[in-house]
Protein backbone atom coordinates (compact mmCIF):
# COMPACT_ATOMS: atom_id res chain seq x y z
CA MET A 1 59.16 -23.59 -28.81
CA CYS A 2 57.35 -23.24 -31.74
CA VAL A 3 53.79 -21.38 -31.34
CA ALA A 4 51.52 -20.81 -34.33
CA ALA A 5 50.11 -17.29 -34.76
CA SER A 6 46.49 -16.95 -35.52
CA ALA A 7 45.60 -18.37 -38.76
CA PRO A 8 43.74 -16.29 -41.59
CA GLN A 9 40.47 -17.41 -42.72
CA GLN A 10 40.92 -20.16 -45.06
CA ASP A 11 39.50 -20.31 -48.79
CA VAL A 12 39.44 -23.99 -48.90
CA ARG A 13 38.90 -25.85 -52.35
CA LEU A 14 38.43 -29.46 -52.96
CA ASP A 15 39.77 -29.18 -56.35
CA ASN A 16 43.48 -29.16 -55.14
CA PRO A 17 45.43 -32.40 -55.50
CA ALA A 18 44.80 -35.03 -53.00
CA VAL A 19 47.59 -35.95 -50.44
CA ALA A 20 47.95 -39.57 -50.43
CA PHE A 21 48.84 -40.79 -47.03
CA SER A 22 49.91 -44.27 -46.59
CA PRO A 23 50.21 -46.83 -43.55
CA GLY A 24 53.93 -47.51 -44.20
CA SER A 25 55.27 -43.94 -44.22
CA ASP A 26 52.67 -41.82 -42.42
CA ILE A 27 51.74 -41.71 -38.64
CA THR A 28 48.12 -42.93 -37.32
CA LEU A 29 47.13 -40.13 -34.63
CA ARG A 30 44.94 -41.58 -32.05
CA ILE A 31 42.79 -39.59 -29.69
CA LYS A 32 41.53 -41.23 -26.46
CA ASP A 33 39.46 -39.45 -23.66
CA ASN A 34 40.38 -35.85 -24.19
CA ARG A 35 39.83 -32.36 -23.26
CA VAL A 36 40.44 -28.83 -24.96
CA GLU A 37 41.46 -25.75 -22.91
CA VAL A 38 41.26 -22.25 -23.81
CA ASP A 39 43.58 -19.88 -21.79
CA GLY A 40 43.57 -22.72 -19.08
CA GLN A 41 39.76 -23.15 -18.86
CA VAL A 42 38.20 -26.27 -20.07
CA LEU A 43 36.41 -25.72 -23.04
CA PHE A 44 34.90 -29.35 -23.50
CA ARG A 45 35.73 -33.04 -22.68
CA ILE A 46 34.95 -35.96 -24.85
CA SER A 47 35.43 -39.80 -23.89
CA GLY A 48 35.92 -42.29 -26.56
CA GLU A 49 38.52 -43.27 -28.97
CA THR A 50 39.15 -42.48 -32.50
CA GLY A 51 42.21 -42.18 -35.06
CA GLY A 52 43.45 -41.30 -38.41
CA PHE A 53 46.11 -39.69 -40.28
CA ILE A 54 44.31 -36.00 -39.89
CA ILE A 55 42.41 -35.58 -36.24
CA TRP A 56 40.40 -32.75 -35.75
CA PHE A 57 38.27 -30.77 -32.82
CA TYR A 58 35.20 -28.40 -33.53
CA SER A 59 34.02 -25.61 -31.41
CA PRO A 60 31.03 -23.60 -32.19
CA LYS A 61 32.76 -20.55 -30.80
CA TYR A 62 36.29 -21.07 -32.29
CA GLY A 63 35.61 -23.31 -35.56
CA ARG A 64 37.53 -26.51 -36.51
CA PHE A 65 41.24 -27.17 -35.91
CA MET A 66 42.68 -30.08 -38.17
CA PHE A 67 46.08 -31.46 -37.12
CA SER A 68 48.47 -34.02 -39.24
CA THR A 69 52.07 -34.98 -39.46
CA ARG A 70 52.05 -33.97 -42.87
CA PRO A 71 50.63 -30.48 -44.08
CA HIS A 72 48.41 -30.37 -47.23
CA PRO A 73 50.47 -28.44 -49.93
CA LYS A 74 47.67 -26.27 -51.02
CA TYR A 75 46.47 -25.01 -47.59
CA GLU A 76 47.87 -22.63 -44.97
CA PHE A 77 49.22 -24.85 -42.09
CA GLN A 78 51.31 -23.85 -39.20
CA GLU A 79 53.52 -25.80 -37.08
CA VAL A 80 52.52 -26.36 -33.49
CA ASP A 81 53.94 -27.81 -30.30
CA VAL A 82 53.50 -31.36 -29.21
CA ILE A 83 54.33 -32.26 -25.52
CA ASP A 84 55.02 -35.68 -24.61
CA ASN A 85 52.84 -36.93 -27.45
CA GLU A 86 50.00 -36.27 -25.08
CA LYS A 87 49.18 -32.28 -25.43
CA ILE A 88 48.98 -30.16 -28.39
CA ILE A 89 49.53 -26.44 -27.69
CA PHE A 90 49.16 -23.53 -30.04
CA ARG A 91 47.79 -20.09 -30.28
CA SER A 92 45.01 -18.94 -32.30
CA ASP A 93 43.01 -15.40 -32.48
CA GLY A 94 45.15 -14.25 -29.37
CA LYS A 95 44.17 -17.44 -27.25
CA GLN A 96 46.31 -20.29 -26.00
CA PHE A 97 44.81 -23.77 -26.81
CA ALA A 98 45.80 -27.10 -25.43
CA TRP A 99 44.33 -30.34 -26.62
CA ILE A 100 45.08 -32.80 -23.75
CA PHE A 101 44.84 -36.82 -24.27
CA GLU A 102 44.74 -39.41 -21.77
CA THR A 103 47.20 -41.55 -23.83
CA PRO A 104 49.83 -40.89 -26.42
CA LEU A 105 48.73 -39.81 -29.69
CA VAL A 106 51.07 -42.31 -31.16
CA ASP A 107 52.68 -45.70 -30.32
CA LYS A 108 56.31 -46.66 -30.44
CA THR A 109 57.44 -43.25 -31.75
CA THR A 110 57.70 -39.52 -30.96
CA ILE A 111 55.91 -36.85 -32.98
CA ALA A 112 58.81 -34.66 -34.61
CA HIS A 113 56.42 -32.34 -36.25
CA LEU A 114 52.56 -31.64 -36.15
CA TRP A 115 50.78 -29.25 -38.28
CA MET A 116 47.47 -27.40 -37.87
CA MET A 117 45.00 -25.59 -40.16
CA HIS A 118 42.27 -23.62 -38.69
CA ASP A 119 38.88 -23.75 -40.60
CA GLN A 120 36.82 -20.92 -38.85
CA HIS A 121 33.63 -21.61 -40.84
CA PRO A 122 33.39 -25.35 -41.42
CA GLU A 123 30.56 -26.40 -43.54
CA PRO A 124 28.94 -28.90 -43.52
CA LEU A 125 29.62 -30.67 -40.09
CA LYS A 126 26.88 -33.37 -39.80
CA ASP A 127 24.82 -32.93 -36.55
CA ARG A 128 26.55 -29.87 -35.70
CA LYS A 129 26.37 -28.92 -31.91
CA GLN A 130 25.43 -25.49 -30.63
CA ASP A 131 27.54 -25.80 -27.62
CA GLY A 132 30.38 -28.28 -26.13
CA GLY A 133 32.65 -29.42 -29.01
CA GLN A 134 33.20 -32.49 -31.28
CA ILE A 135 36.34 -34.48 -32.31
CA GLY A 136 37.10 -36.64 -35.21
CA ALA A 137 39.60 -38.23 -37.56
CA ALA A 138 40.10 -39.03 -41.26
CA THR A 139 42.30 -40.60 -43.75
CA HIS A 140 42.36 -37.72 -46.33
CA TYR A 141 42.18 -34.11 -46.02
CA GLU A 142 39.47 -34.01 -48.87
CA TYR A 143 37.11 -35.75 -46.42
CA LEU A 144 37.12 -32.75 -44.05
CA LEU A 145 37.57 -29.74 -46.17
CA PRO A 146 34.58 -27.94 -47.54
CA ASN A 147 33.69 -27.14 -51.03
CA HIS A 148 33.65 -23.35 -51.15
């Protein structure tokens, strides 16, 4: 079992080279009706569906966690566990996180490796909630990472 250690605060810059994802060689991750748990307690639940090469969830208390089957070469990503293509498990800041999905993250394959980056202070997030949480997906890291 591969469990990620807590991530240091990231100095994220957009002047790094873009990571080119492609439908033929990269895996689109799908999020549908999910919940995030911290140390076994539900942090939030979200209904709905989205997908992309990068998926993420945000909590005002913990920041934003981004996941992809391919890490960006210029950022500090850590490998995390995926169980039955329906649950992402990792540790951050001494807490055990579980992102649980009602349907598999991918069709017709199994995720061999999933990578996570923790952005503790994401800016800007449009319409940022003060409680609960948000989820999302993107086709490029550069759409998600703030310009510091």
